[in-house]
Protein backbone atom coordinates (compact mmCIF):
# COMPACT_ATOMS: atom_id res chain seq x y z
CA MET A 1 29.76 47.61 -98.42
CA GLU A 2 28.35 45.75 -101.35
CA ASP A 3 24.80 46.37 -102.58
CA ARG A 4 22.93 43.08 -102.48
CA GLN A 5 19.70 42.69 -104.32
CA PRO A 6 17.07 40.43 -102.78
CA PRO A 7 16.60 37.16 -104.64
CA ILE A 8 13.92 37.13 -107.29
CA PRO A 9 11.49 34.21 -106.88
CA ASN A 10 11.26 31.88 -109.86
CA TYR A 11 7.58 31.06 -110.18
CA VAL A 12 8.03 29.31 -113.51
CA ASP A 13 9.70 26.26 -111.96
CA ALA A 14 7.28 26.02 -109.03
CA GLN A 15 5.19 22.86 -109.15
CA PRO A 16 1.77 22.86 -107.49
CA GLU A 17 1.14 20.11 -104.99
CA LYS A 18 -0.77 17.21 -106.45
CA TRP A 19 -3.71 15.95 -104.40
CA ILE A 20 -5.27 12.56 -105.09
CA ALA A 21 -8.82 11.53 -104.16
CA ILE A 22 -8.57 8.25 -102.26
CA ALA A 23 -12.08 7.75 -100.88
CA LEU A 24 -15.66 8.84 -101.48
CA PHE A 25 -17.99 8.62 -98.48
CA PRO A 26 -21.79 8.62 -98.49
CA ASP A 27 -21.97 11.47 -95.98
CA GLU A 28 -19.85 14.20 -94.45
CA MET A 29 -19.77 12.72 -90.94
CA THR A 30 -18.21 9.46 -92.12
CA ALA A 31 -15.66 11.38 -94.17
CA HIS A 32 -14.74 13.47 -91.11
CA LEU A 33 -14.13 10.34 -89.05
CA ALA A 34 -11.76 8.94 -91.67
CA SER A 35 -10.07 12.31 -92.10
CA SER A 36 -9.50 12.53 -88.34
CA LYS A 37 -7.86 9.11 -88.39
CA LEU A 38 -5.49 10.23 -91.14
CA ASP A 39 -4.79 13.54 -89.43
CA ALA A 40 -3.87 11.66 -86.24
CA GLU A 41 -1.29 9.75 -88.29
CA GLY A 42 0.18 13.00 -89.63
CA ILE A 43 -1.45 12.89 -93.06
CA GLU A 44 -3.10 16.13 -94.15
CA THR A 45 -6.41 15.79 -95.97
CA ILE A 46 -8.79 17.86 -98.03
CA LEU A 47 -12.43 17.06 -97.35
CA GLY A 48 -15.30 17.52 -99.69
CA ASN A 49 -15.25 18.06 -103.38
CA GLN A 50 -13.00 21.14 -103.41
CA LEU A 51 -10.79 19.53 -106.04
CA ASN A 52 -13.72 18.38 -108.18
CA PRO A 53 -16.79 20.55 -107.52
CA TYR A 54 -18.71 19.02 -110.44
CA VAL A 55 -19.26 15.59 -108.92
CA GLY A 56 -22.97 16.32 -108.55
CA THR A 57 -23.64 14.13 -105.51
CA ASN A 58 -23.99 14.64 -101.78
CA ALA A 59 -21.02 12.34 -101.22
CA THR A 60 -17.91 13.72 -99.51
CA GLY A 61 -14.47 12.78 -100.70
CA ILE A 62 -11.06 12.73 -99.05
CA SER A 63 -7.95 13.74 -100.94
CA VAL A 64 -4.34 13.50 -99.76
CA ARG A 65 -1.02 14.66 -101.18
CA SER A 66 0.34 12.32 -103.84
CA ASP A 67 3.29 11.42 -101.57
CA ASP A 68 0.87 10.24 -98.86
CA VAL A 69 -1.45 8.06 -100.97
CA LYS A 70 0.09 4.67 -100.09
CA ALA A 71 0.23 5.40 -96.36
CA ALA A 72 -3.30 6.83 -96.28
CA VAL A 73 -4.76 3.87 -98.19
CA ALA A 74 -2.96 1.44 -95.86
CA ILE A 75 -4.37 3.22 -92.80
CA LEU A 76 -7.92 3.27 -94.14
CA THR A 77 -7.67 -0.33 -95.37
CA ASP A 78 -7.31 -1.40 -91.73
CA SER A 79 -10.50 0.42 -90.75
CA PRO A 80 -14.21 0.32 -91.59
CA ALA A 81 -13.51 3.14 -94.09
CA ARG A 82 -11.98 0.60 -96.49
CA ARG A 83 -15.34 0.10 -98.16
CA TRP A 84 -15.27 3.65 -99.54
CA LEU A 85 -11.74 3.66 -100.93
CA VAL A 86 -11.63 4.70 -104.57
CA GLY A 87 -10.15 2.29 -107.10
CA GLN A 88 -9.40 -0.45 -104.61
């Protein structure tokens, strides 16, 4: 029987997921409504300013994975949330 060593993970090549802020809402409740809409469509979101804690406002942002940006923007464009999309 041959001695097999477990594989050694290569953390050097691992790329962190890139999250992109797509909208900035005036309050947390509005952000939660938009986030729920995206979640229902299978798009995971990060709420709040976890990715940029130095914003300095009471606004609440929504970020999605970089692969989901186009789909998320399209979904929110067809809703009242379109007015808070970033860079649109």
